[in-house]
Amino acid sequence: MSFSPTTAAIRFGYGLSPTMPPPASTAALMAELTAPDAMATRYPLPSQEQAVTLGRALRDARALQKTEGDRSRNRAVRAARLALRGAEAEAFVNQLQRAVQSPHGFRERLQYFWSNHFTVQAKNNISALYPTAFGEEAIRPHLGGSFADMLKAATTHPAMLLYLDQNSSIGPKSRAAKRMDARRKRQLGLNENLARELMELHTLGVSAPYTQTDVRQMAKLLTGLGFNSEGGFVFRPGWAEPGAETVLGRHYGGEEPARLADIFAALDDIAVNPATAKHISTQLATHFVADTPDPGLVTAMTQAYTTSKGDLPTVYRAMFDHPAAWAPVGPGGKARQPWDFIAASLRSLGLPPDALDGLDAGRVQRFLTNPIKLMGQPWQKPSGPDGWHEEATAWITPQGLAARIDWAMKVNRFLTLADAGPTPARGKDTDSGMGTGTGTDMAGDGMSGSMSGDMGGEMGGGMPAADSNAADTPRAKGRAAGGDPMPDPRAFVQTALADAASPTLIQAAARSESRAEGVGLILASADFNRR
């Protein structure tokens, strides 16, 4: 098994595009990590400072609202809520734009993987933008660097400290605890959440040789990490547990006052621990290649991690150099998660860069975030700190499949809206259509069935002969032929899947009764939903 441009685009990026060529080599994939980050400039995401400002505006408006009889304060709450909702919608769209428009799909997939590896969630709507800021500040700058640097940035980011309650963790014998005890106002104690998830999920792995004592010692070492009212990181020596801590047989700290450098020293050591090397390599191979990755692939990546002391590009290169990484996309492969499915669908359709500009929050919810939720992946809301699950059985469920089919068969409505240009900025969307059904009523779209990839025998009729140049710019050809935003399915199956399309799907696409039906069939097929 050797390098394949189609596999490179589908497995290691967000799929094929009619406007951008697939990666030409493994060297091209690696070069993405050092190329200028044009997507971050073109589609900016909120910083932690901006996230805090918008959240504080809502918090302050709510505080004022408690005064009875003042309608202006009620309006202030509504305005702050709408501003935050609009910022959330814009952040979602900009992240989607990066996946759809970037010529560097591997970089965007890496940000998705690492943001999920270091899962954070908003604790409430005031902190709604914290996860987005976390990915942009703690993850993206370190995609092509060392794991130790990413680990330190993720562990100390305010979004992580808030999510895992580290801001309220205090050393039992610290100066701050003694002051609280003297006033009989002690309400805080040692919290082990961050220490446990750091060791179990972020680094060593659940089966690694560490003990509860190591977790508790790590929790004591982490005391002092926090953030201030401005949402910025702070280290509070007075909150830190005095004395040295012993983690995995090594001693850290003991100086007075406590030092952040001691925490970083522990994180550096854990980052190069052999258990961490194996855990990180397994996680990467599982996400990108197979739910049960080839043992030889994991071994090669683990060795690369160990010899390079956690240099991530070296680990990625070892993954690309192993034959198992290039097994053909097909039955038994990984399933595209809902976010991946939506992004890959729009990318394969050649969605123009300005198509999503101006969509108001209501339409973003109707056409994008609601469907993803119905598919089983509510935006930035995994079930726990272990993030979204990788196995195909987590995503290929009756409800999830129905929602995918429903969205695929109605995507023509979304493209029609996108071609119409920017929409008025309103909080409420009154258009009928996409993403509001259960995913089972598709009679109006001319199709019912499942993602089996073998629907050709059920499709009668067929389309007239295809334009010989239809694959060049399929959506443009469609519009030129009469305003239809959908491409010719016979051309689109090659645009979207190239040599990964099965003969059965190619035949089914040719027999479809309409462009919308054919494109929907392709997007809902098993071929397209694998990577």
Protein backbone atom coordinates (compact mmCIF):
# COMPACT_ATOMS: atom_id res chain seq x y z
CA MET A 1 0.00 0.00 0.00
CA SER A 2 1.46 3.32 -1.08
CA PHE A 3 0.56 7.00 -1.16
CA SER A 4 -2.72 7.92 -2.81
CA PRO A 5 -3.84 11.53 -3.42
CA THR A 6 -7.46 10.51 -2.94
CA THR A 7 -6.74 8.80 0.37
CA ALA A 8 -4.58 11.72 1.47
CA ALA A 9 -7.44 14.18 0.89
CA ILE A 10 -10.17 12.03 2.43
CA ARG A 11 -8.34 10.38 5.33
CA PHE A 12 -6.01 13.19 6.35
CA GLY A 13 -8.02 16.22 5.25
CA TYR A 14 -11.62 17.26 4.70
CA GLY A 15 -12.02 15.53 1.38
CA LEU A 16 -11.75 16.30 -2.31
CA SER A 17 -12.66 19.64 -3.87
CA PRO A 18 -13.46 20.70 -7.45
CA THR A 19 -11.39 23.87 -6.96
CA MET A 20 -8.30 22.57 -5.12
CA PRO A 21 -6.04 19.65 -6.03
CA PRO A 22 -5.46 16.87 -3.48
CA PRO A 23 -2.06 16.57 -1.80
CA ALA A 24 0.52 15.34 -4.29
CA SER A 25 2.77 13.57 -1.77
CA THR A 26 3.46 13.01 1.90
CA ALA A 27 5.95 15.88 1.65
CA ALA A 28 3.08 18.12 0.55
CA LEU A 29 1.07 17.04 3.60
CA MET A 30 3.96 17.84 5.90
CA ALA A 31 4.56 21.20 4.18
CA GLU A 32 1.08 22.30 5.25
CA LEU A 33 2.34 22.66 8.82
CA THR A 34 4.89 25.33 7.89
CA ALA A 35 2.88 27.13 5.19
CA PRO A 36 1.47 30.59 6.01
CA ASP A 37 -1.75 30.21 7.99
CA ALA A 38 -3.96 32.14 5.59
CA MET A 39 -7.16 30.59 6.94
CA ALA A 40 -6.59 31.95 10.45
CA THR A 41 -6.24 35.42 8.96
CA ARG A 42 -9.13 35.16 6.56
CA TYR A 43 -11.54 33.51 9.00
CA PRO A 44 -10.57 34.79 12.46
CA LEU A 45 -11.89 33.27 15.66
CA PRO A 46 -12.45 35.05 18.99
CA SER A 47 -9.60 35.33 21.46
CA GLN A 48 -10.01 34.55 25.13
CA GLU A 49 -10.11 38.29 25.81
CA GLN A 50 -12.96 38.76 23.33
CA ALA A 51 -14.79 35.73 24.71
CA VAL A 52 -14.55 37.16 28.22
CA THR A 53 -15.76 40.61 27.09
CA LEU A 54 -18.89 39.22 25.44
CA GLY A 55 -19.62 36.91 28.35
CA ARG A 56 -19.12 39.67 30.90
CA ALA A 57 -21.54 41.93 29.00
CA LEU A 58 -24.26 39.30 29.39
CA ARG A 59 -23.40 38.71 33.04
CA ASP A 60 -23.48 42.43 33.86
CA ALA A 61 -26.76 42.92 32.00
CA ARG A 62 -28.33 40.10 33.99
CA ALA A 63 -27.13 41.64 37.23
CA LEU A 64 -28.82 44.92 36.32
CA GLN A 65 -31.97 43.10 35.26
CA LYS A 66 -32.69 42.15 38.87
CA THR A 67 -33.94 45.67 39.47
CA GLU A 68 -37.67 45.43 38.89
CA GLY A 69 -39.62 47.65 36.56
CA ASP A 70 -36.79 48.74 34.25
CA ARG A 71 -37.53 47.64 30.70
CA SER A 72 -34.31 49.14 29.41
CA ARG A 73 -32.39 46.59 31.45
CA ASN A 74 -34.42 43.77 29.94
CA ARG A 75 -33.48 45.14 26.53
CA ALA A 76 -29.83 45.20 27.62
CA VAL A 77 -29.98 41.50 28.47
CA ARG A 78 -31.56 40.71 25.13
CA ALA A 79 -28.96 42.76 23.27
CA ALA A 80 -26.08 41.07 25.12
CA ARG A 81 -27.58 37.64 24.51
CA LEU A 82 -28.03 38.32 20.79
CA ALA A 83 -24.47 39.66 20.52
CA LEU A 84 -23.10 36.49 22.11
CA ARG A 85 -25.30 34.28 19.96
CA GLY A 86 -24.17 36.12 16.85
CA ALA A 87 -20.53 35.72 17.84
CA GLU A 88 -21.06 31.99 18.39
CA ALA A 89 -22.64 31.63 14.95
CA GLU A 90 -19.82 33.59 13.34
CA ALA A 91 -17.22 31.46 15.10
CA PHE A 92 -18.93 28.27 13.95
CA VAL A 93 -19.12 29.50 10.36
CA ASN A 94 -15.49 30.63 10.32
CA GLN A 95 -14.31 27.25 11.58
CA LEU A 96 -16.43 25.58 8.92
CA GLN A 97 -15.04 27.92 6.28
CA ARG A 98 -11.52 26.86 7.21
CA ALA A 99 -12.39 23.19 6.69
CA VAL A 100 -14.21 23.86 3.42
CA GLN A 101 -11.89 26.42 1.84
CA SER A 102 -8.41 25.56 3.10
CA PRO A 103 -5.87 24.04 0.71
CA HIS A 104 -4.26 22.66 3.88
CA GLY A 105 -6.82 20.13 5.05
CA PHE A 106 -4.35 18.22 7.21
CA ARG A 107 -3.68 21.31 9.33
CA GLU A 108 -7.42 21.81 9.90
CA ARG A 109 -7.93 18.15 10.77
CA LEU A 110 -5.06 18.33 13.24
CA GLN A 111 -6.69 21.24 15.03
CA TYR A 112 -9.91 19.25 15.25
CA PHE A 113 -8.08 16.19 16.59
CA TRP A 114 -6.04 18.00 19.23
CA SER A 115 -8.95 20.19 20.35
CA ASN A 116 -10.89 16.99 20.93
CA HIS A 117 -7.93 15.31 22.64
CA PHE A 118 -7.77 18.23 25.08
CA THR A 119 -11.53 18.55 25.37
CA VAL A 120 -12.98 21.62 27.05
CA GLN A 121 -16.60 22.72 27.26
CA ALA A 122 -18.38 25.91 28.22
CA LYS A 123 -19.74 25.70 31.76
CA ASN A 124 -22.55 28.12 30.88
CA ASN A 125 -23.53 30.50 28.09
CA ILE A 126 -21.34 33.24 29.56
CA SER A 127 -18.31 31.08 28.72
CA ALA A 128 -19.78 29.91 25.41
CA LEU A 129 -16.82 31.11 23.34
CA TYR A 130 -14.10 29.75 25.63
CA PRO A 131 -13.70 26.42 23.75
CA THR A 132 -13.23 28.27 20.46
CA ALA A 133 -10.60 30.56 21.98
CA PHE A 134 -8.90 27.53 23.53
CA GLY A 135 -8.48 25.81 20.18
CA GLU A 136 -7.12 28.96 18.60
CA GLU A 137 -4.70 29.90 21.39
CA ALA A 138 -3.63 26.65 23.06
CA ILE A 139 -3.81 24.22 20.12
CA ARG A 140 -3.30 25.82 16.71
CA PRO A 141 0.08 27.47 17.40
CA HIS A 142 1.55 24.09 18.43
CA LEU A 143 0.27 21.79 15.66
CA GLY A 144 3.74 21.61 14.15
CA GLY A 145 5.71 21.84 17.40
CA SER A 146 6.36 19.66 20.42
CA PHE A 147 3.73 17.86 22.42
CA ALA A 148 5.21 19.27 25.62
CA ASP A 149 4.59 22.84 24.48
CA MET A 150 1.02 22.03 23.50
CA LEU A 151 0.46 20.25 26.81
CA LYS A 152 1.63 23.25 28.81
CA ALA A 153 -0.48 25.66 26.76
CA ALA A 154 -3.59 23.47 27.07
CA THR A 155 -3.16 22.79 30.79
CA THR A 156 -2.81 26.47 31.71
CA HIS A 157 -5.44 27.95 29.39
CA PRO A 158 -8.37 29.56 31.26
CA ALA A 159 -10.87 27.42 29.33
CA MET A 160 -9.27 24.23 30.67
CA LEU A 161 -8.90 25.63 34.18
CA LEU A 162 -12.58 26.59 34.23
CA TYR A 163 -13.84 23.36 32.68
CA LEU A 164 -12.02 21.12 35.15
CA ASP A 165 -12.54 23.39 38.19
CA GLN A 166 -8.86 24.10 38.71
CA ASN A 167 -9.62 27.73 39.52
CA SER A 168 -11.19 26.60 42.79
CA SER A 169 -8.46 24.12 43.75
CA ILE A 170 -6.41 25.19 46.73
CA GLY A 171 -3.62 23.53 48.65
CA PRO A 172 -4.97 22.24 52.02
CA LYS A 173 -1.94 23.67 53.85
CA SER A 174 -1.44 26.75 51.68
CA ARG A 175 -1.32 30.28 53.03
CA ALA A 176 -4.66 31.04 51.42
CA ALA A 177 -6.29 27.99 53.06
CA LYS A 178 -4.96 29.02 56.47
CA ARG A 179 -6.37 32.52 56.05
CA MET A 180 -9.75 31.11 55.09
CA ASP A 181 -9.69 28.75 58.07
CA ALA A 182 -8.86 31.63 60.40
CA ARG A 183 -11.96 33.48 59.18
CA ARG A 184 -14.00 30.28 59.20
CA LYS A 185 -14.78 30.93 55.56
CA ARG A 186 -13.06 27.91 54.05
CA GLN A 187 -15.18 26.86 51.06
CA LEU A 188 -12.46 25.64 48.73
CA GLY A 189 -10.34 22.51 48.79
CA LEU A 190 -8.08 20.35 46.68
CA ASN A 191 -9.64 19.41 43.35
CA GLU A 192 -8.21 16.44 41.44
CA ASN A 193 -10.14 16.87 38.17
CA LEU A 194 -7.37 18.44 36.11
CA ALA A 195 -4.67 16.16 37.50
CA ARG A 196 -6.71 13.03 36.77
CA GLU A 197 -7.70 14.00 33.22
CA LEU A 198 -4.18 15.23 32.51
CA MET A 199 -2.73 11.83 33.33
CA GLU A 200 -5.57 9.57 32.21
CA LEU A 201 -6.65 11.31 28.99
CA HIS A 202 -4.11 13.91 27.94
CA THR A 203 -0.83 12.06 28.46
CA LEU A 204 -0.18 8.64 30.03
CA GLY A 205 -3.45 6.87 29.29
CA VAL A 206 -5.84 5.00 31.54
CA SER A 207 -3.79 1.77 31.55
CA ALA A 208 -0.45 3.41 32.31
CA PRO A 209 1.48 2.51 35.49
CA TYR A 210 0.50 5.35 37.79
CA THR A 211 -1.48 5.34 41.03
CA GLN A 212 -4.07 7.41 42.83
CA THR A 213 -1.22 8.74 44.93
CA ASP A 214 0.38 10.11 41.76
CA VAL A 215 -2.90 11.78 40.83
CA ARG A 216 -3.23 13.40 44.25
CA GLN A 217 0.38 14.53 44.26
CA MET A 218 -0.10 16.02 40.80
CA ALA A 219 -3.24 17.79 42.01
CA LYS A 220 -1.25 19.37 44.84
CA LEU A 221 1.48 20.41 42.43
CA LEU A 222 -1.10 22.08 40.16
CA THR A 223 -2.53 24.24 42.95
CA GLY A 224 -1.96 27.88 42.20
CA LEU A 225 -3.03 27.63 38.56
CA GLY A 226 -5.99 29.90 37.88
CA PHE A 227 -7.38 32.86 35.98
CA ASN A 228 -8.43 36.35 37.00
CA SER A 229 -11.58 38.41 36.47
CA GLU A 230 -10.25 39.48 33.08
CA GLY A 231 -10.13 35.84 31.99
CA GLY A 232 -6.37 35.73 31.81
CA PHE A 233 -4.08 33.05 33.24
CA VAL A 234 -2.55 33.68 36.66
CA PHE A 235 -0.35 31.70 39.02
CA ARG A 236 -1.12 32.24 42.70
CA PRO A 237 1.79 31.06 44.87
CA GLY A 238 -0.30 31.63 47.99
CA TRP A 239 -2.79 28.99 46.84
CA ALA A 240 -0.11 26.38 46.14
CA GLU A 241 0.44 23.46 48.49
CA PRO A 242 3.78 24.01 50.27
CA GLY A 243 6.56 21.45 50.08
CA ALA A 244 7.68 19.11 47.33
CA GLU A 245 5.40 16.68 45.49
CA THR A 246 6.42 13.29 44.12
CA VAL A 247 4.86 12.34 40.77
CA LEU A 248 5.85 9.08 39.05
CA GLY A 249 8.87 8.82 41.33
CA ARG A 250 10.23 12.32 40.65
CA HIS A 251 10.23 15.25 43.06
CA TYR A 252 8.99 18.71 42.09
CA GLY A 253 8.79 21.96 43.99
CA GLY A 254 9.58 22.58 47.62
CA GLU A 255 10.80 26.15 47.21
CA GLU A 256 9.07 29.13 48.75
CA PRO A 257 7.28 30.77 47.17
CA ALA A 258 5.94 28.07 44.84
CA ARG A 259 7.01 28.35 41.22
CA LEU A 260 5.16 27.81 37.97
CA ALA A 261 8.43 26.40 36.60
CA ASP A 262 8.02 23.32 38.82
CA ILE A 263 4.64 22.55 37.25
CA PHE A 264 6.11 22.98 33.79
CA ALA A 265 9.00 20.67 34.69
CA ALA A 266 6.54 17.94 35.65
CA LEU A 267 4.57 18.44 32.43
CA ASP A 268 7.78 18.26 30.38
CA ASP A 269 8.70 14.96 32.04
CA ILE A 270 5.24 13.46 31.59
CA ALA A 271 5.21 14.56 27.95
CA VAL A 272 8.20 12.31 27.16
CA ASN A 273 7.15 9.39 29.36
CA PRO A 274 7.07 6.10 27.39
CA ALA A 275 3.40 5.62 28.29
CA THR A 276 2.60 9.05 26.85
CA ALA A 277 4.47 8.20 23.64
CA LYS A 278 2.36 5.09 23.14
CA HIS A 279 -0.91 6.74 24.17
CA ILE A 280 -0.51 9.76 21.87
CA SER A 281 0.60 7.59 18.96
CA THR A 282 -2.36 5.27 19.44
CA GLN A 283 -4.78 8.20 19.62
CA LEU A 284 -3.43 9.73 16.41
CA ALA A 285 -3.50 6.43 14.53
CA THR A 286 -7.00 5.70 15.76
CA HIS A 287 -8.33 9.08 14.69
CA PHE A 288 -6.74 9.25 11.27
CA VAL A 289 -6.31 5.67 10.10
CA ALA A 290 -8.46 3.00 11.77
CA ASP A 291 -10.62 2.37 14.82
CA THR A 292 -8.28 -0.53 15.57
CA PRO A 293 -4.98 0.64 14.09
CA ASP A 294 -2.30 -1.69 12.81
CA PRO A 295 0.07 -2.53 15.72
CA GLY A 296 3.07 -1.96 13.47
CA LEU A 297 1.85 1.54 12.67
CA VAL A 298 1.46 2.38 16.36
CA THR A 299 4.90 0.95 17.12
CA ALA A 300 6.54 3.01 14.39
CA MET A 301 4.84 6.19 15.59
CA THR A 302 5.72 5.43 19.22
CA GLN A 303 9.37 4.96 18.32
CA ALA A 304 9.35 8.24 16.39
CA TYR A 305 7.78 10.00 19.35
CA THR A 306 10.34 8.57 21.76
CA THR A 307 13.44 9.29 19.70
CA SER A 308 12.30 12.84 18.90
CA LYS A 309 11.14 13.54 22.48
CA GLY A 310 7.60 14.28 21.36
CA ASP A 311 8.26 16.30 18.21
CA LEU A 312 4.87 16.10 16.55
CA PRO A 313 5.92 16.49 12.89
CA THR A 314 8.26 13.53 13.37
CA VAL A 315 5.32 11.45 14.62
CA TYR A 316 3.08 12.56 11.74
CA ARG A 317 5.82 11.67 9.26
CA ALA A 318 6.15 8.19 10.77
CA MET A 319 2.40 7.74 10.31
CA PHE A 320 2.60 8.75 6.65
CA ASP A 321 5.63 6.53 6.05
CA HIS A 322 3.87 3.36 7.20
CA PRO A 323 1.97 1.30 4.59
CA ALA A 324 -1.02 0.83 6.91
CA ALA A 325 -1.77 4.56 6.62
CA TRP A 326 -2.58 4.07 2.93
CA ALA A 327 -4.97 1.15 3.10
CA PRO A 328 -7.75 1.92 0.58
CA VAL A 329 -10.78 3.81 1.84
CA GLY A 330 -13.53 1.23 1.89
CA PRO A 331 -15.70 -1.15 3.94
CA GLY A 332 -14.50 -1.48 7.50
CA GLY A 333 -12.84 1.92 7.41
CA LYS A 334 -13.46 4.83 9.70
CA ALA A 335 -16.76 6.72 9.65
CA ARG A 336 -16.82 10.43 9.06
CA GLN A 337 -18.07 12.20 12.17
CA PRO A 338 -20.95 14.66 11.60
CA TRP A 339 -18.70 17.75 11.55
CA ASP A 340 -16.41 16.01 9.06
CA PHE A 341 -19.42 14.95 6.98
CA ILE A 342 -20.88 18.45 6.72
CA ALA A 343 -17.50 20.04 5.96
CA ALA A 344 -16.57 17.39 3.38
CA SER A 345 -19.98 17.70 1.72
CA LEU A 346 -19.73 21.46 1.25
CA ARG A 347 -16.09 21.16 0.19
CA SER A 348 -16.92 18.56 -2.46
CA LEU A 349 -19.69 20.80 -3.78
CA GLY A 350 -17.23 23.63 -4.34
CA LEU A 351 -18.99 26.04 -2.00
CA PRO A 352 -17.60 29.49 -2.92
CA PRO A 353 -15.73 31.37 -0.19
CA ASP A 354 -18.43 34.01 0.27
CA ALA A 355 -21.35 31.58 0.31
CA LEU A 356 -21.67 31.49 4.09
CA ASP A 357 -21.04 35.20 4.60
CA GLY A 358 -23.99 37.01 6.09
CA LEU A 359 -25.91 33.94 7.30
CA ASP A 360 -27.66 35.07 10.45
CA ALA A 361 -27.57 33.01 13.64
CA GLY A 362 -31.02 31.54 12.98
CA ARG A 363 -30.05 30.15 9.60
CA VAL A 364 -26.73 28.87 10.86
CA GLN A 365 -28.70 26.97 13.47
CA ARG A 366 -31.31 25.72 11.01
CA PHE A 367 -29.00 24.61 8.22
CA LEU A 368 -25.86 23.61 10.11
CA THR A 369 -25.79 23.27 13.89
CA ASN A 370 -29.22 21.65 14.28
CA PRO A 371 -28.48 18.96 11.66
CA ILE A 372 -25.11 18.21 13.25
CA LYS A 373 -26.86 17.83 16.59
CA LEU A 374 -29.41 15.44 15.07
CA MET A 375 -26.50 13.44 13.67
CA GLY A 376 -25.26 12.99 17.24
CA GLN A 377 -22.58 15.68 17.58
CA PRO A 378 -23.89 18.87 19.21
CA TRP A 379 -21.33 21.58 18.53
CA GLN A 380 -18.58 21.68 21.18
CA LYS A 381 -20.66 19.62 23.60
CA PRO A 382 -19.22 16.12 23.91
CA SER A 383 -20.56 13.94 26.69
CA GLY A 384 -17.45 14.27 28.88
CA PRO A 385 -13.77 15.20 29.11
CA ASP A 386 -12.83 12.20 26.96
CA GLY A 387 -14.26 14.05 23.95
CA TRP A 388 -15.98 12.60 20.92
CA HIS A 389 -15.61 8.86 20.49
CA GLU A 390 -13.74 7.51 17.49
CA GLU A 391 -15.42 4.19 16.80
CA ALA A 392 -17.83 4.02 13.86
CA THR A 393 -20.59 2.56 16.06
CA ALA A 394 -20.78 5.90 17.90
CA TRP A 395 -21.88 7.61 14.67
CA ILE A 396 -23.52 5.03 12.43
CA THR A 397 -26.79 4.78 14.33
CA PRO A 398 -30.40 4.75 13.04
CA GLN A 399 -31.06 8.33 14.13
CA GLY A 400 -27.65 9.54 12.98
CA LEU A 401 -28.03 7.92 9.56
CA ALA A 402 -31.53 9.32 9.11
CA ALA A 403 -30.27 12.82 9.90
CA ARG A 404 -27.40 12.50 7.41
CA ILE A 405 -29.71 11.32 4.66
CA ASP A 406 -32.19 14.10 5.42
CA TRP A 407 -29.47 16.76 5.23
CA ALA A 408 -27.95 15.27 2.08
CA MET A 409 -31.27 15.18 0.26
CA LYS A 410 -32.02 18.81 1.18
CA VAL A 411 -28.57 20.30 0.62
CA ASN A 412 -29.83 21.84 -2.63
CA ARG A 413 -31.94 24.22 -0.53
CA PHE A 414 -28.85 25.33 1.33
CA LEU A 415 -26.92 25.88 -1.90
CA THR A 416 -29.80 27.89 -3.35
CA LEU A 417 -29.74 30.11 -0.28
CA ALA A 418 -25.94 30.41 -0.48
CA ASP A 419 -26.09 31.45 -4.13
CA ALA A 420 -28.68 34.10 -3.27
CA GLY A 421 -26.05 36.00 -1.28
CA PRO A 422 -25.93 37.44 2.25
CA THR A 423 -29.07 37.35 4.36
CA PRO A 424 -30.42 40.11 6.61
CA ALA A 425 -28.98 40.02 10.12
CA ARG A 426 -31.93 38.78 12.11
CA GLY A 427 -32.15 36.59 15.14
CA LYS A 428 -35.12 34.65 13.80
CA ASP A 429 -35.27 32.68 10.59
CA THR A 430 -38.66 32.11 9.03
CA ASP A 431 -37.57 30.13 5.96
CA SER A 432 -38.96 26.63 5.79
CA GLY A 433 -36.91 23.59 5.00
CA MET A 434 -33.64 22.12 5.94
CA GLY A 435 -32.60 20.53 9.18
CA THR A 436 -35.90 20.71 11.02
CA GLY A 437 -37.31 17.27 10.32
CA THR A 438 -36.59 13.89 11.83
CA GLY A 439 -34.63 12.67 8.85
CA THR A 440 -37.18 10.03 7.84
CA ASP A 441 -39.60 11.97 5.60
CA MET A 442 -37.90 12.38 2.26
CA ALA A 443 -40.76 11.77 -0.15
CA GLY A 444 -40.69 15.39 -1.23
CA ASP A 445 -37.04 15.01 -2.23
CA GLY A 446 -37.56 11.88 -4.27
CA MET A 447 -35.60 9.41 -2.15
CA SER A 448 -35.81 7.02 0.74
CA GLY A 449 -33.28 4.43 1.74
CA SER A 450 -30.07 3.97 3.67
CA MET A 451 -26.37 4.66 3.34
CA SER A 452 -25.69 1.28 1.82
CA GLY A 453 -24.06 2.51 -1.37
CA ASP A 454 -26.11 0.01 -3.39
CA MET A 455 -29.16 2.06 -4.27
CA GLY A 456 -28.58 1.92 -8.02
CA GLY A 457 -30.94 -0.99 -8.56
CA GLU A 458 -33.79 0.90 -6.94
CA MET A 459 -33.39 4.00 -9.13
CA GLY A 460 -35.27 4.12 -12.41
CA GLY A 461 -34.87 6.31 -15.48
CA GLY A 462 -31.67 8.27 -15.72
CA MET A 463 -30.27 11.63 -16.68
CA PRO A 464 -29.45 12.74 -20.21
CA ALA A 465 -25.88 12.50 -21.42
CA ALA A 466 -23.42 14.46 -19.31
CA ASP A 467 -21.52 17.49 -20.57
CA SER A 468 -18.03 16.22 -21.36
CA ASN A 469 -16.57 19.09 -19.30
CA ALA A 470 -18.98 18.73 -16.39
CA ALA A 471 -16.28 17.75 -13.91
CA ASP A 472 -14.36 21.00 -14.38
CA THR A 473 -16.61 23.28 -12.32
CA PRO A 474 -19.73 21.23 -11.59
CA ARG A 475 -21.76 23.85 -9.75
CA ALA A 476 -20.90 26.53 -12.31
CA LYS A 477 -21.97 24.16 -15.07
CA GLY A 478 -25.25 23.58 -13.24
CA ARG A 479 -26.00 27.28 -12.93
CA ALA A 480 -25.07 27.88 -16.55
CA ALA A 481 -27.42 25.10 -17.61
CA GLY A 482 -30.43 26.76 -16.02
CA GLY A 483 -29.76 28.10 -12.57
CA ASP A 484 -29.59 24.75 -10.78
CA PRO A 485 -26.91 25.03 -8.05
CA MET A 486 -26.44 21.28 -8.01
CA PRO A 487 -23.76 19.58 -10.14
CA ASP A 488 -24.39 16.74 -12.53
CA PRO A 489 -24.28 13.59 -10.31
CA ARG A 490 -22.19 11.66 -12.85
CA ALA A 491 -19.51 14.32 -12.65
CA PHE A 492 -19.99 14.92 -8.95
CA VAL A 493 -19.33 11.31 -7.93
CA GLN A 494 -15.87 11.66 -9.45
CA THR A 495 -15.34 15.11 -7.96
CA ALA A 496 -16.30 13.96 -4.47
CA LEU A 497 -14.72 10.49 -4.40
CA ALA A 498 -12.51 9.96 -7.46
CA ASP A 499 -11.19 6.39 -7.36
CA ALA A 500 -12.82 5.77 -3.95
CA ALA A 501 -16.26 5.62 -5.60
CA SER A 502 -17.63 2.10 -5.96
CA PRO A 503 -19.02 0.91 -9.31
CA THR A 504 -22.41 0.52 -7.67
CA LEU A 505 -22.50 4.16 -6.58
CA ILE A 506 -21.32 5.36 -9.98
CA GLN A 507 -24.16 3.43 -11.60
CA ALA A 508 -26.69 4.75 -9.08
CA ALA A 509 -25.58 8.34 -9.69
CA ALA A 510 -26.07 7.91 -13.44
CA ARG A 511 -29.60 6.59 -12.92
CA SER A 512 -30.79 9.36 -10.61
CA GLU A 513 -33.89 11.23 -11.73
CA SER A 514 -32.64 14.69 -10.80
CA ARG A 515 -29.48 16.51 -9.82
CA ALA A 516 -30.66 17.05 -6.25
CA GLU A 517 -31.53 13.38 -5.90
CA GLY A 518 -28.24 12.22 -7.37
CA VAL A 519 -26.08 14.50 -5.28
CA GLY A 520 -28.02 13.57 -2.16
CA LEU A 521 -27.59 9.90 -2.94
CA ILE A 522 -23.81 10.36 -3.27
CA LEU A 523 -23.45 12.36 -0.05
CA ALA A 524 -25.61 9.87 1.86
CA SER A 525 -23.76 6.85 0.49
CA ALA A 526 -21.50 4.59 2.48
CA ASP A 527 -18.67 5.47 0.08
CA PHE A 528 -18.79 9.15 1.01
CA ASN A 529 -19.28 8.56 4.73
CA ARG A 530 -16.10 6.52 5.08
CA ARG A 531 -12.58 7.80 5.44
